[in-house]
N, C-alpha and C. Protein backbone atom coordinates (compact mmCIF):
# COMPACT_ATOMS: atom_id res chain seq x y z
N MET A 1 -94.45 202.78 136.55
CA MET A 1 -93.45 203.36 137.44
C MET A 1 -93.79 204.82 137.73
N ALA A 2 -93.56 205.25 138.95
CA ALA A 2 -93.88 206.61 139.35
C ALA A 2 -92.87 207.60 138.77
N ALA A 3 -93.39 208.68 138.19
CA ALA A 3 -92.54 209.76 137.72
C ALA A 3 -92.10 210.60 138.92
N ARG A 4 -92.97 210.64 139.93
CA ARG A 4 -92.65 211.37 141.16
C ARG A 4 -93.37 210.70 142.31
N LYS A 5 -92.63 210.35 143.35
CA LYS A 5 -93.23 209.81 144.58
C LYS A 5 -92.55 210.49 145.75
N GLU A 6 -93.33 211.28 146.47
CA GLU A 6 -92.80 212.01 147.62
C GLU A 6 -93.69 211.76 148.82
N TRP A 7 -93.11 211.84 150.02
CA TRP A 7 -93.89 211.64 151.23
C TRP A 7 -93.28 212.40 152.39
N THR A 8 -94.12 212.64 153.40
CA THR A 8 -93.70 213.29 154.64
C THR A 8 -94.40 212.60 155.79
N GLU A 9 -93.66 212.28 156.83
CA GLU A 9 -94.26 211.77 158.07
C GLU A 9 -94.70 212.96 158.91
N TRP A 10 -95.89 212.84 159.52
CA TRP A 10 -96.40 213.85 160.44
C TRP A 10 -96.73 213.17 161.75
N HIS A 11 -96.28 213.77 162.86
CA HIS A 11 -96.48 213.20 164.19
C HIS A 11 -97.27 214.19 165.04
N LEU A 12 -98.37 213.71 165.61
CA LEU A 12 -99.16 214.53 166.52
C LEU A 12 -98.61 214.35 167.93
N THR A 13 -98.24 215.45 168.55
CA THR A 13 -97.69 215.46 169.91
C THR A 13 -98.55 216.39 170.76
N PRO A 14 -98.31 216.45 172.06
CA PRO A 14 -99.05 217.42 172.89
C PRO A 14 -98.82 218.87 172.46
N ARG A 15 -97.77 219.13 171.68
CA ARG A 15 -97.46 220.48 171.19
C ARG A 15 -98.10 220.78 169.83
N GLY A 16 -98.64 219.75 169.18
CA GLY A 16 -99.22 219.91 167.85
C GLY A 16 -98.55 218.97 166.86
N TRP A 17 -98.80 219.21 165.56
CA TRP A 17 -98.23 218.37 164.50
C TRP A 17 -96.77 218.74 164.26
N GLU A 18 -95.91 217.72 164.21
CA GLU A 18 -94.48 217.93 163.95
C GLU A 18 -94.07 217.13 162.72
N LYS A 19 -93.31 217.78 161.87
CA LYS A 19 -92.83 217.14 160.64
C LYS A 19 -91.73 216.14 160.97
N GLY A 20 -91.81 214.97 160.34
CA GLY A 20 -90.80 213.93 160.56
C GLY A 20 -89.98 213.70 159.31
N ALA A 21 -89.70 212.45 159.03
CA ALA A 21 -88.89 212.07 157.87
C ALA A 21 -89.61 212.47 156.58
N THR A 22 -88.82 212.67 155.51
CA THR A 22 -89.38 213.06 154.22
C THR A 22 -88.66 212.34 153.08
N ARG A 23 -89.35 212.28 151.95
CA ARG A 23 -88.74 211.85 150.69
C ARG A 23 -89.11 212.90 149.65
N VAL A 24 -88.08 213.50 149.05
CA VAL A 24 -88.27 214.51 148.03
C VAL A 24 -87.68 213.98 146.73
N HIS A 25 -88.47 214.05 145.66
CA HIS A 25 -88.04 213.56 144.36
C HIS A 25 -86.71 214.21 143.95
N GLY A 26 -85.76 213.41 143.59
CA GLY A 26 -84.46 213.90 143.16
C GLY A 26 -83.49 214.21 144.29
N GLN A 27 -83.97 214.16 145.54
CA GLN A 27 -83.10 214.47 146.68
C GLN A 27 -82.98 213.30 147.65
N GLY A 28 -83.86 212.33 147.53
CA GLY A 28 -83.80 211.16 148.42
C GLY A 28 -84.51 211.38 149.74
N ASN A 29 -84.19 210.52 150.69
CA ASN A 29 -84.85 210.53 152.00
C ASN A 29 -84.05 211.33 153.02
N THR A 30 -84.78 211.97 153.91
CA THR A 30 -84.20 212.64 155.07
C THR A 30 -84.86 212.00 156.28
N TRP A 31 -84.08 211.33 157.11
CA TRP A 31 -84.63 210.60 158.25
C TRP A 31 -84.59 211.46 159.50
N VAL A 32 -85.69 211.45 160.24
CA VAL A 32 -85.83 212.20 161.48
C VAL A 32 -86.43 211.25 162.50
N GLU A 33 -85.90 211.24 163.72
CA GLU A 33 -86.44 210.39 164.80
C GLU A 33 -87.85 210.83 165.15
N GLU A 34 -88.70 209.86 165.45
CA GLU A 34 -90.05 210.19 165.91
C GLU A 34 -89.98 210.81 167.30
N PRO A 35 -90.85 211.79 167.58
CA PRO A 35 -90.88 212.36 168.94
C PRO A 35 -91.26 211.28 169.95
N ILE A 36 -90.61 211.29 171.09
CA ILE A 36 -90.87 210.30 172.13
C ILE A 36 -92.31 210.39 172.63
N ASP A 37 -92.87 211.59 172.63
CA ASP A 37 -94.23 211.77 173.15
C ASP A 37 -95.30 211.80 172.06
N ARG A 38 -95.01 211.22 170.92
CA ARG A 38 -96.01 211.22 169.84
C ARG A 38 -97.25 210.45 170.25
N LEU A 39 -98.38 210.95 169.78
CA LEU A 39 -99.65 210.30 170.06
C LEU A 39 -100.21 209.60 168.82
N LEU A 40 -99.84 210.12 167.66
CA LEU A 40 -100.37 209.63 166.41
C LEU A 40 -99.36 209.96 165.32
N SER A 41 -99.22 209.06 164.34
CA SER A 41 -98.33 209.33 163.21
C SER A 41 -99.04 208.97 161.91
N PHE A 42 -98.80 209.78 160.90
CA PHE A 42 -99.31 209.55 159.55
C PHE A 42 -98.19 209.73 158.55
N VAL A 43 -98.36 209.13 157.38
CA VAL A 43 -97.50 209.42 156.23
C VAL A 43 -98.40 210.04 155.17
N TYR A 44 -98.08 211.26 154.77
CA TYR A 44 -98.79 211.92 153.68
C TYR A 44 -97.98 211.67 152.41
N GLN A 45 -98.63 211.23 151.34
CA GLN A 45 -97.93 210.86 150.11
C GLN A 45 -98.52 211.56 148.89
N GLU A 46 -97.67 211.84 147.93
CA GLU A 46 -98.09 212.34 146.62
C GLU A 46 -97.36 211.52 145.57
N VAL A 47 -98.13 210.96 144.62
CA VAL A 47 -97.56 210.14 143.55
C VAL A 47 -98.09 210.63 142.22
N GLU A 48 -97.17 210.81 141.29
CA GLU A 48 -97.50 211.23 139.94
C GLU A 48 -96.89 210.19 138.99
N THR A 49 -97.66 209.71 138.03
CA THR A 49 -97.13 208.71 137.09
C THR A 49 -97.08 209.29 135.69
N GLU A 50 -96.30 208.64 134.86
CA GLU A 50 -96.21 209.06 133.46
C GLU A 50 -97.52 208.77 132.73
N ALA A 51 -98.26 207.77 133.18
CA ALA A 51 -99.51 207.37 132.53
C ALA A 51 -100.66 208.33 132.82
N SER A 52 -100.59 209.07 133.93
CA SER A 52 -101.68 209.96 134.32
C SER A 52 -101.13 211.28 134.85
N PRO A 53 -101.62 212.40 134.31
CA PRO A 53 -101.14 213.70 134.80
C PRO A 53 -101.69 214.04 136.18
N GLU A 54 -102.72 213.31 136.64
CA GLU A 54 -103.33 213.57 137.94
C GLU A 54 -102.40 213.14 139.07
N VAL A 55 -102.20 214.01 140.06
CA VAL A 55 -101.38 213.69 141.23
C VAL A 55 -102.28 213.01 142.26
N LYS A 56 -101.93 211.80 142.66
CA LYS A 56 -102.69 211.09 143.69
C LYS A 56 -102.12 211.49 145.05
N LYS A 57 -103.02 211.87 145.97
CA LYS A 57 -102.61 212.33 147.30
C LYS A 57 -103.41 211.56 148.34
N TRP A 58 -102.74 211.12 149.41
CA TRP A 58 -103.44 210.45 150.49
C TRP A 58 -102.58 210.42 151.74
N SER A 59 -103.25 210.18 152.88
CA SER A 59 -102.58 210.03 154.17
C SER A 59 -102.90 208.65 154.71
N GLU A 60 -101.93 208.08 155.40
CA GLU A 60 -102.11 206.74 155.99
C GLU A 60 -101.59 206.76 157.42
N GLU A 61 -102.43 206.31 158.35
CA GLU A 61 -102.02 206.24 159.75
C GLU A 61 -101.00 205.12 159.93
N THR A 62 -99.91 205.42 160.64
CA THR A 62 -98.86 204.42 160.86
C THR A 62 -98.61 204.11 162.33
N PHE A 63 -99.14 204.95 163.23
CA PHE A 63 -98.95 204.72 164.66
C PHE A 63 -100.08 205.41 165.41
N ARG A 64 -100.57 204.75 166.48
CA ARG A 64 -101.57 205.35 167.37
C ARG A 64 -101.26 204.92 168.79
N SER A 65 -101.13 205.90 169.68
CA SER A 65 -100.89 205.64 171.10
C SER A 65 -102.10 204.94 171.71
N LYS A 66 -101.86 204.20 172.76
CA LYS A 66 -102.95 203.56 173.49
C LYS A 66 -103.66 204.55 174.41
N LYS A 67 -103.14 205.77 174.50
CA LYS A 67 -103.74 206.82 175.34
C LYS A 67 -104.83 207.52 174.53
N SER A 68 -105.95 206.83 174.32
CA SER A 68 -106.98 207.31 173.41
C SER A 68 -107.57 208.67 173.80
N ALA A 69 -107.70 208.95 175.08
CA ALA A 69 -108.24 210.25 175.51
C ALA A 69 -107.29 211.38 175.09
N GLU A 70 -105.98 211.16 175.23
CA GLU A 70 -105.00 212.18 174.82
C GLU A 70 -105.00 212.37 173.31
N VAL A 71 -105.14 211.26 172.57
CA VAL A 71 -105.19 211.34 171.11
C VAL A 71 -106.40 212.17 170.70
N ASP A 72 -107.57 211.85 171.25
CA ASP A 72 -108.80 212.57 170.91
C ASP A 72 -108.69 214.05 171.25
N SER A 73 -108.14 214.36 172.41
CA SER A 73 -107.98 215.75 172.84
C SER A 73 -107.06 216.52 171.90
N ALA A 74 -105.93 215.90 171.52
CA ALA A 74 -104.97 216.56 170.62
C ALA A 74 -105.58 216.76 169.23
N LEU A 75 -106.35 215.79 168.75
CA LEU A 75 -106.99 215.93 167.44
C LEU A 75 -108.02 217.07 167.47
N GLN A 76 -108.74 217.21 168.56
CA GLN A 76 -109.70 218.31 168.68
C GLN A 76 -108.98 219.65 168.70
N LYS A 77 -107.84 219.69 169.37
CA LYS A 77 -107.10 220.94 169.52
C LYS A 77 -106.35 221.33 168.25
N PHE A 78 -105.70 220.34 167.59
CA PHE A 78 -104.80 220.65 166.47
C PHE A 78 -105.33 220.23 165.10
N GLY A 79 -106.44 219.50 165.07
CA GLY A 79 -107.01 219.09 163.79
C GLY A 79 -106.35 217.88 163.18
N PRO A 80 -106.80 217.50 161.98
CA PRO A 80 -106.28 216.28 161.33
C PRO A 80 -104.86 216.48 160.80
N CYS A 81 -104.30 215.40 160.33
CA CYS A 81 -102.95 215.39 159.75
C CYS A 81 -102.84 216.43 158.64
N PRO A 82 -101.75 217.21 158.62
CA PRO A 82 -101.54 218.16 157.51
C PRO A 82 -101.45 217.41 156.17
N GLU A 83 -102.07 217.94 155.17
CA GLU A 83 -102.01 217.33 153.83
C GLU A 83 -101.08 218.13 152.96
N ARG A 84 -99.81 218.07 153.33
CA ARG A 84 -98.76 218.77 152.57
C ARG A 84 -97.43 218.06 152.81
N LEU A 85 -96.54 218.25 151.89
CA LEU A 85 -95.22 217.62 152.00
C LEU A 85 -94.32 218.41 152.94
């Protein structure tokens, strides 16, 4: 069982990366609507277990627009998904 499991949704829009819904240990979930003009969405996660002191961190893509040229352009301009909660 996880001693700590937290996550943050990140949405790439024409304006840059925008923070979405979050889960904070001990505080629960905070839900935020996805931007209508999102091009790409990721969930960044951090998990810590009682069995291992090492914090596991990773990002997972959850949405990609069919407008591939716009996605590529925004990624070049704003970079990859933020790796932070």
